[in-house]
């Protein structure tokens, strides 16, 4: 009789262990599924942000390149003009008038260059703005869907 009761108890314990194991297996699967969904949503959220970063970095790179080119151009213009001034020997009124005319032309050309440079900066900013708006528009529904869950 005692042996029979022990056998029944062992059977009950085995069943309980099996049920507990099944429960934990189901819980593990459930949590793995939840973690997968969270991972997918995180990737969906970060993809647009990564694209915005890429566009921004590309824009910064373009502005930097434009800055470097402009610094070089203005430095060359300045050095060229400084050399002309050093090599100019004004001996009469006509020489002074020629010098003033040349300097006026230099100032005019620098003004035109600055205008062109400003237009290039504006165009660059507009391009960057359009690219960023495009990324945002492409991902608005995605971001809304992910944040609803």
N, C-alpha and C. Protein backbone atom coordinates (compact mmCIF):
# COMPACT_ATOMS: atom_id res chain seq x y z
N UNK A 1 0.83 -1.17 0.00
CA UNK A 1 0.00 0.00 0.00
C UNK A 1 0.88 1.26 0.00
N UNK A 2 1.86 1.26 0.85
CA UNK A 2 2.76 2.40 0.89
C UNK A 2 3.47 2.56 -0.45
N UNK A 3 3.85 1.46 -1.03
CA UNK A 3 4.52 1.48 -2.33
C UNK A 3 3.59 2.02 -3.41
N UNK A 4 2.33 1.66 -3.33
CA UNK A 4 1.33 2.14 -4.28
C UNK A 4 1.16 3.66 -4.14
N UNK A 5 1.10 4.12 -2.91
CA UNK A 5 0.96 5.56 -2.68
C UNK A 5 2.20 6.31 -3.16
N UNK A 6 3.35 5.75 -2.95
CA UNK A 6 4.59 6.37 -3.42
C UNK A 6 4.60 6.43 -4.94
N UNK A 7 4.14 5.38 -5.57
CA UNK A 7 4.08 5.33 -7.03
C UNK A 7 3.13 6.41 -7.55
N UNK A 8 1.97 6.54 -6.90
CA UNK A 8 1.01 7.57 -7.29
C UNK A 8 1.61 8.96 -7.09
N UNK A 9 2.28 9.14 -5.98
CA UNK A 9 2.90 10.44 -5.69
C UNK A 9 3.98 10.76 -6.72
N UNK A 10 4.76 9.78 -7.08
CA UNK A 10 5.81 9.97 -8.09
C UNK A 10 5.17 10.32 -9.43
N UNK A 11 4.08 9.65 -9.77
CA UNK A 11 3.36 9.93 -11.01
C UNK A 11 2.83 11.36 -11.01
N UNK A 12 2.27 11.77 -9.88
CA UNK A 12 1.75 13.14 -9.75
C UNK A 12 2.90 14.14 -9.87
N UNK A 13 4.01 13.85 -9.23
CA UNK A 13 5.17 14.75 -9.30
C UNK A 13 5.71 14.84 -10.73
N UNK A 14 5.76 13.70 -11.42
CA UNK A 14 6.22 13.70 -12.81
C UNK A 14 5.29 14.55 -13.67
N UNK A 15 3.99 14.38 -13.45
CA UNK A 15 3.00 15.15 -14.19
C UNK A 15 3.15 16.65 -13.89
N UNK A 16 3.34 16.97 -12.63
CA UNK A 16 3.51 18.36 -12.22
C UNK A 16 4.77 18.95 -12.85
N UNK A 17 5.86 18.19 -12.83
CA UNK A 17 7.11 18.65 -13.44
C UNK A 17 6.91 18.86 -14.93
N UNK A 18 6.20 17.93 -15.58
CA UNK A 18 5.95 18.04 -17.02
C UNK A 18 5.11 19.28 -17.32
N UNK A 19 4.07 19.50 -16.52
CA UNK A 19 3.21 20.67 -16.72
C UNK A 19 3.98 21.96 -16.48
N UNK A 20 4.80 21.95 -15.44
CA UNK A 20 5.60 23.14 -15.14
C UNK A 20 6.60 23.40 -16.26
N UNK A 21 7.22 22.35 -16.76
CA UNK A 21 8.15 22.49 -17.87
C UNK A 21 7.44 23.04 -19.09
N UNK A 22 6.26 22.49 -19.40
CA UNK A 22 5.48 22.98 -20.54
C UNK A 22 5.11 24.45 -20.35
N UNK A 23 4.72 24.80 -19.14
CA UNK A 23 4.36 26.19 -18.85
C UNK A 23 5.55 27.12 -19.12
N UNK A 24 6.72 26.74 -18.61
CA UNK A 24 7.90 27.59 -18.80
C UNK A 24 8.34 27.63 -20.26
N UNK A 25 8.16 26.53 -20.98
CA UNK A 25 8.47 26.53 -22.41
C UNK A 25 7.56 27.50 -23.15
N UNK A 26 6.25 27.47 -22.82
CA UNK A 26 5.30 28.39 -23.46
C UNK A 26 5.62 29.83 -23.10
N UNK A 27 5.97 30.05 -21.83
CA UNK A 27 6.32 31.41 -21.40
C UNK A 27 7.58 31.89 -22.12
N UNK A 28 8.55 31.01 -22.27
CA UNK A 28 9.78 31.36 -22.97
C UNK A 28 9.48 31.75 -24.41
N UNK A 29 8.66 30.94 -25.07
CA UNK A 29 8.27 31.24 -26.46
C UNK A 29 7.54 32.57 -26.53
N UNK A 30 6.63 32.80 -25.59
CA UNK A 30 5.87 34.05 -25.58
C UNK A 30 6.82 35.25 -25.42
N UNK A 31 7.75 35.16 -24.48
CA UNK A 31 8.68 36.27 -24.26
C UNK A 31 9.63 36.44 -25.44
N UNK A 32 10.03 35.35 -26.07
CA UNK A 32 10.87 35.46 -27.26
C UNK A 32 10.12 36.18 -28.38
N UNK A 33 8.83 35.86 -28.54
CA UNK A 33 8.02 36.54 -29.55
C UNK A 33 7.88 38.03 -29.23
N UNK A 34 7.66 38.34 -27.97
CA UNK A 34 7.55 39.74 -27.56
C UNK A 34 8.87 40.47 -27.85
N UNK A 35 9.98 39.85 -27.49
CA UNK A 35 11.28 40.47 -27.72
C UNK A 35 11.56 40.65 -29.21
N UNK A 36 11.15 39.67 -30.03
CA UNK A 36 11.32 39.80 -31.48
C UNK A 36 10.53 40.99 -32.00
N UNK A 37 9.29 41.15 -31.55
CA UNK A 37 8.46 42.28 -31.99
C UNK A 37 9.07 43.60 -31.55
N UNK A 38 9.56 43.64 -30.32
CA UNK A 38 10.20 44.87 -29.83
C UNK A 38 11.43 45.18 -30.67
N UNK A 39 12.21 44.15 -30.98
CA UNK A 39 13.42 44.32 -31.81
C UNK A 39 13.04 44.84 -33.19
N UNK A 40 12.01 44.26 -33.81
CA UNK A 40 11.57 44.70 -35.13
C UNK A 40 11.10 46.15 -35.09
N UNK A 41 10.33 46.49 -34.06
CA UNK A 41 9.84 47.86 -33.94
C UNK A 41 10.99 48.84 -33.72
N UNK A 42 11.97 48.43 -32.94
CA UNK A 42 13.13 49.29 -32.71
C UNK A 42 13.88 49.52 -34.02
N UNK A 43 14.03 48.45 -34.81
CA UNK A 43 14.70 48.59 -36.10
C UNK A 43 13.89 49.49 -37.03
N UNK A 44 12.57 49.33 -37.01
CA UNK A 44 11.72 50.17 -37.85
C UNK A 44 11.82 51.63 -37.42
N UNK A 45 11.92 51.87 -36.14
CA UNK A 45 12.04 53.25 -35.64
C UNK A 45 13.40 53.85 -35.95
N UNK A 46 14.44 53.06 -35.82
CA UNK A 46 15.78 53.61 -36.00
C UNK A 46 16.17 53.74 -37.47
N UNK A 47 15.55 52.99 -38.36
CA UNK A 47 15.89 53.10 -39.78
C UNK A 47 15.67 54.52 -40.31
N UNK A 48 14.51 55.14 -40.07
CA UNK A 48 14.34 56.52 -40.54
C UNK A 48 15.31 57.49 -39.86
N UNK A 49 15.57 57.27 -38.59
CA UNK A 49 16.51 58.15 -37.89
C UNK A 49 17.91 58.01 -38.47
N UNK A 50 18.27 56.79 -38.82
CA UNK A 50 19.58 56.54 -39.43
C UNK A 50 19.66 57.26 -40.79
N UNK A 51 18.56 57.20 -41.56
CA UNK A 51 18.52 57.86 -42.86
C UNK A 51 18.64 59.37 -42.68
N UNK A 52 17.95 59.92 -41.69
CA UNK A 52 18.05 61.35 -41.41
C UNK A 52 19.49 61.72 -41.05
N UNK A 53 20.13 60.87 -40.27
CA UNK A 53 21.54 61.09 -39.92
C UNK A 53 22.42 61.09 -41.17
N UNK A 54 22.18 60.12 -42.06
CA UNK A 54 22.98 60.03 -43.28
C UNK A 54 22.82 61.28 -44.13
N UNK A 55 21.58 61.74 -44.29
CA UNK A 55 21.31 62.94 -45.08
C UNK A 55 21.99 64.15 -44.42
N UNK A 56 21.89 64.25 -43.11
CA UNK A 56 22.49 65.38 -42.39
C UNK A 56 24.01 65.37 -42.52
N UNK A 57 24.61 64.21 -42.35
CA UNK A 57 26.07 64.12 -42.47
C UNK A 57 26.51 64.45 -43.89
N UNK A 58 25.76 63.97 -44.89
CA UNK A 58 26.09 64.30 -46.28
C UNK A 58 25.98 65.80 -46.51
N UNK A 59 24.98 66.43 -45.91
CA UNK A 59 24.82 67.88 -46.03
C UNK A 59 25.97 68.63 -45.38
N UNK A 60 26.36 68.18 -44.20
CA UNK A 60 27.50 68.81 -43.51
C UNK A 60 28.77 68.66 -44.35
N UNK A 61 28.92 67.50 -44.95
CA UNK A 61 30.09 67.25 -45.79
C UNK A 61 30.10 68.21 -46.99
N UNK A 62 28.92 68.40 -47.61
CA UNK A 62 28.83 69.30 -48.76
C UNK A 62 29.11 70.75 -48.35
N UNK A 63 28.58 71.17 -47.21
CA UNK A 63 28.84 72.54 -46.71
C UNK A 63 30.33 72.71 -46.41
N UNK A 64 30.92 71.71 -45.79
CA UNK A 64 32.35 71.78 -45.46
C UNK A 64 33.18 71.89 -46.73
N UNK A 65 32.84 71.09 -47.73
CA UNK A 65 33.58 71.14 -49.00
C UNK A 65 33.45 72.53 -49.64
N UNK A 66 32.24 73.07 -49.62
CA UNK A 66 32.02 74.42 -50.16
C UNK A 66 32.83 75.45 -49.37
N UNK A 67 32.85 75.31 -48.05
CA UNK A 67 33.64 76.22 -47.22
C UNK A 67 35.12 76.15 -47.56
N UNK A 68 35.64 74.95 -47.72
CA UNK A 68 37.06 74.77 -48.04
C UNK A 68 37.38 75.42 -49.39
N UNK A 69 36.51 75.17 -50.37
CA UNK A 69 36.73 75.77 -51.70
C UNK A 69 36.70 77.30 -51.62
N UNK A 70 35.74 77.83 -50.86
CA UNK A 70 35.63 79.29 -50.75
C UNK A 70 36.82 79.89 -50.01
N UNK A 71 37.24 79.25 -48.94
CA UNK A 71 38.41 79.76 -48.21
C UNK A 71 39.62 79.81 -49.13
N UNK A 72 39.81 78.75 -49.91
CA UNK A 72 40.94 78.71 -50.83
C UNK A 72 40.83 79.82 -51.87
N UNK A 73 39.65 79.98 -52.45
CA UNK A 73 39.45 81.00 -53.48
C UNK A 73 39.68 82.40 -52.92
N UNK A 74 39.09 82.69 -51.76
CA UNK A 74 39.25 84.03 -51.18
C UNK A 74 40.68 84.28 -50.73
N UNK A 75 41.34 83.26 -50.24
CA UNK A 75 42.75 83.42 -49.85
C UNK A 75 43.60 83.72 -51.08
N UNK A 76 43.34 83.00 -52.17
CA UNK A 76 44.09 83.25 -53.41
C UNK A 76 43.82 84.65 -53.94
N UNK A 77 42.54 85.06 -53.92
CA UNK A 77 42.20 86.42 -54.36
C UNK A 77 42.90 87.46 -53.51
N UNK A 78 42.88 87.27 -52.21
CA UNK A 78 43.53 88.21 -51.30
C UNK A 78 45.02 88.30 -51.52
N UNK A 79 45.67 87.14 -51.67
CA UNK A 79 47.12 87.13 -51.88
C UNK A 79 47.48 87.76 -53.23
N UNK A 80 46.69 87.44 -54.24
CA UNK A 80 46.93 88.00 -55.57
C UNK A 80 46.80 89.53 -55.53
N UNK A 81 45.77 90.01 -54.87
CA UNK A 81 45.57 91.46 -54.78
C UNK A 81 46.66 92.11 -53.94
N UNK A 82 47.05 91.45 -52.85
CA UNK A 82 48.12 92.01 -52.01
C UNK A 82 49.42 92.13 -52.80
N UNK A 83 49.72 91.13 -53.62
CA UNK A 83 50.94 91.19 -54.45
C UNK A 83 50.85 92.32 -55.47
N UNK A 84 49.66 92.50 -56.06
CA UNK A 84 49.48 93.59 -57.02
C UNK A 84 49.70 94.94 -56.34
N UNK A 85 49.14 95.09 -55.14
CA UNK A 85 49.29 96.35 -54.41
C UNK A 85 50.77 96.61 -54.10
N UNK A 86 51.48 95.57 -53.68
CA UNK A 86 52.91 95.73 -53.36
C UNK A 86 53.73 96.09 -54.59
N UNK A 87 53.32 95.57 -55.73
CA UNK A 87 54.08 95.80 -56.96
C UNK A 87 53.61 97.04 -57.73
N UNK A 88 52.63 97.73 -57.19
CA UNK A 88 52.12 98.92 -57.86
C UNK A 88 52.94 100.14 -57.42
N UNK A 89 53.40 100.86 -58.40
CA UNK A 89 54.18 102.06 -58.14
C UNK A 89 53.39 103.24 -58.70
N UNK A 90 52.75 103.98 -57.83
CA UNK A 90 51.93 105.10 -58.25
C UNK A 90 52.81 106.35 -58.26
N UNK A 91 52.94 106.94 -59.46
CA UNK A 91 53.80 108.11 -59.58
C UNK A 91 53.05 109.36 -60.02
N UNK A 92 51.83 109.16 -60.52
CA UNK A 92 51.07 110.32 -60.97
C UNK A 92 49.57 110.07 -60.75
N UNK A 93 48.77 111.06 -61.13
CA UNK A 93 47.32 110.98 -60.94
C UNK A 93 46.73 109.86 -61.79
N UNK A 94 47.23 109.71 -63.00
CA UNK A 94 46.72 108.65 -63.88
C UNK A 94 47.00 107.27 -63.28
N UNK A 95 48.16 107.08 -62.72
CA UNK A 95 48.50 105.82 -62.05
C UNK A 95 47.58 105.55 -60.87
N UNK A 96 47.27 106.61 -60.13
CA UNK A 96 46.35 106.49 -59.00
C UNK A 96 44.95 106.11 -59.47
N UNK A 97 44.52 106.76 -60.57
CA UNK A 97 43.19 106.43 -61.12
C UNK A 97 43.14 104.98 -61.60
N UNK A 98 44.19 104.52 -62.26
CA UNK A 98 44.25 103.12 -62.72
C UNK A 98 44.20 102.16 -61.53
N UNK A 99 44.96 102.50 -60.50
CA UNK A 99 44.97 101.66 -59.30
C UNK A 99 43.58 101.60 -58.67
N UNK A 100 42.92 102.74 -58.54
CA UNK A 100 41.57 102.79 -57.95
C UNK A 100 40.59 102.02 -58.83
N UNK A 101 40.71 102.15 -60.15
CA UNK A 101 39.84 101.41 -61.07
C UNK A 101 40.04 99.90 -60.90
N UNK A 102 41.29 99.47 -60.83
CA UNK A 102 41.58 98.04 -60.63
C UNK A 102 41.00 97.54 -59.31
N UNK A 103 41.17 98.32 -58.25
CA UNK A 103 40.66 97.91 -56.94
C UNK A 103 39.13 97.88 -56.94
N UNK A 104 38.51 98.79 -57.68
CA UNK A 104 37.05 98.79 -57.79
C UNK A 104 36.59 97.53 -58.51
N UNK A 105 37.31 97.15 -59.57
CA UNK A 105 36.98 95.91 -60.29
C UNK A 105 37.16 94.69 -59.39
N UNK A 106 38.24 94.68 -58.63
CA UNK A 106 38.48 93.57 -57.70
C UNK A 106 37.33 93.48 -56.70
N UNK A 107 36.95 94.61 -56.13
CA UNK A 107 35.85 94.63 -55.15
C UNK A 107 34.55 94.16 -55.80
N UNK A 108 34.32 94.60 -57.04
CA UNK A 108 33.11 94.19 -57.77
C UNK A 108 33.12 92.67 -58.00
N UNK A 109 34.25 92.15 -58.45
CA UNK A 109 34.36 90.71 -58.71
C UNK A 109 34.20 89.89 -57.43
N UNK A 110 34.77 90.39 -56.34
CA UNK A 110 34.61 89.70 -55.05
C UNK A 110 33.15 89.73 -54.63
N UNK A 111 32.48 90.85 -54.85
CA UNK A 111 31.05 90.94 -54.54
C UNK A 111 30.23 89.94 -55.35
N UNK A 112 30.55 89.82 -56.65
CA UNK A 112 29.86 88.83 -57.50
C UNK A 112 30.12 87.41 -57.01
N UNK A 113 31.37 87.15 -56.65
CA UNK A 113 31.73 85.81 -56.14
C UNK A 113 30.97 85.52 -54.85
N UNK A 114 30.89 86.51 -53.97
CA UNK A 114 30.17 86.31 -52.71
C UNK A 114 28.69 86.04 -52.97
N UNK A 115 28.11 86.75 -53.94
CA UNK A 115 26.71 86.52 -54.29
C UNK A 115 26.51 85.10 -54.80
N UNK A 116 27.41 84.66 -55.68
CA UNK A 116 27.32 83.29 -56.19
C UNK A 116 27.48 82.27 -55.07
N UNK A 117 28.41 82.54 -54.16
CA UNK A 117 28.63 81.63 -53.03
C UNK A 117 27.39 81.55 -52.14
N UNK A 118 26.79 82.70 -51.87
CA UNK A 118 25.57 82.70 -51.05
C UNK A 118 24.45 81.92 -51.73
N UNK A 119 24.34 82.06 -53.04
CA UNK A 119 23.33 81.29 -53.79
C UNK A 119 23.61 79.80 -53.66
N UNK A 120 24.88 79.43 -53.71
CA UNK A 120 25.25 78.01 -53.57
C UNK A 120 24.88 77.49 -52.19
N UNK A 121 25.12 78.31 -51.15
CA UNK A 121 24.75 77.90 -49.79
C UNK A 121 23.23 77.76 -49.66
N UNK A 122 22.50 78.70 -50.23
CA UNK A 122 21.03 78.63 -50.18
C UNK A 122 20.54 77.38 -50.89
N UNK A 123 21.07 77.11 -52.09
CA UNK A 123 20.67 75.92 -52.84
C UNK A 123 21.00 74.65 -52.06
N UNK A 124 22.15 74.64 -51.44
CA UNK A 124 22.55 73.49 -50.63
C UNK A 124 21.58 73.28 -49.48
N UNK A 125 21.23 74.36 -48.81
CA UNK A 125 20.27 74.27 -47.70
C UNK A 125 18.91 73.80 -48.17
N UNK A 126 18.47 74.29 -49.33
CA UNK A 126 17.19 73.86 -49.87
C UNK A 126 17.21 72.37 -50.21
N UNK A 127 18.31 71.92 -50.83
CA UNK A 127 18.44 70.49 -51.15
C UNK A 127 18.38 69.63 -49.89
N UNK A 128 19.12 70.05 -48.88
CA UNK A 128 19.13 69.30 -47.62
C UNK A 128 17.74 69.27 -47.01
N UNK A 129 17.06 70.41 -47.01
CA UNK A 129 15.70 70.47 -46.48
C UNK A 129 14.75 69.55 -47.23
N UNK A 130 14.86 69.53 -48.56
CA UNK A 130 14.00 68.66 -49.38
C UNK A 130 14.28 67.19 -49.08
N UNK A 131 15.55 66.85 -48.98
CA UNK A 131 15.91 65.46 -48.69
C UNK A 131 15.37 65.02 -47.33
N UNK A 132 15.50 65.89 -46.33
CA UNK A 132 15.00 65.55 -45.00
C UNK A 132 13.49 65.45 -44.99
N UNK A 133 12.80 66.35 -45.69
CA UNK A 133 11.34 66.27 -45.78
C UNK A 133 10.91 64.98 -46.46
N UNK A 134 11.64 64.58 -47.49
CA UNK A 134 11.33 63.34 -48.20
C UNK A 134 11.43 62.14 -47.25
N UNK A 135 12.50 62.08 -46.48
CA UNK A 135 12.68 60.98 -45.53
C UNK A 135 11.55 60.97 -44.51
N UNK A 136 11.21 62.14 -44.00
CA UNK A 136 10.16 62.22 -42.99
C UNK A 136 8.82 61.80 -43.58
N UNK A 137 8.50 62.29 -44.78
CA UNK A 137 7.23 61.93 -45.42
C UNK A 137 7.14 60.43 -45.69
N UNK A 138 8.26 59.83 -46.12
CA UNK A 138 8.28 58.40 -46.41
C UNK A 138 8.03 57.57 -45.15
N UNK A 139 8.36 58.12 -44.01
CA UNK A 139 8.32 57.33 -42.78
C UNK A 139 7.27 57.76 -41.78
N UNK A 140 6.44 58.73 -42.12
CA UNK A 140 5.41 59.19 -41.18
C UNK A 140 4.46 58.06 -40.82
N UNK A 141 3.95 57.34 -41.81
CA UNK A 141 3.00 56.26 -41.50
C UNK A 141 3.68 55.14 -40.73
N UNK A 142 4.92 54.85 -41.07
CA UNK A 142 5.66 53.82 -40.34
C UNK A 142 5.80 54.21 -38.88
N UNK A 143 6.18 55.45 -38.62
CA UNK A 143 6.35 55.91 -37.25
C UNK A 143 5.03 55.92 -36.50
N UNK A 144 3.95 56.29 -37.19
CA UNK A 144 2.63 56.27 -36.54
C UNK A 144 2.24 54.84 -36.19
N UNK A 145 2.46 53.90 -37.12
CA UNK A 145 2.11 52.50 -36.87
C UNK A 145 2.90 51.93 -35.70
N UNK A 146 4.18 52.20 -35.67
CA UNK A 146 5.04 51.64 -34.61
C UNK A 146 4.67 52.22 -33.26
N UNK A 147 4.36 53.50 -33.21
CA UNK A 147 4.06 54.12 -31.92
C UNK A 147 2.68 53.74 -31.41
N UNK A 148 1.80 53.24 -32.27
CA UNK A 148 0.47 52.81 -31.83
C UNK A 148 0.52 51.49 -31.08
N UNK A 149 1.48 50.66 -31.42
CA UNK A 149 1.54 49.31 -30.86
C UNK A 149 1.92 49.33 -29.41
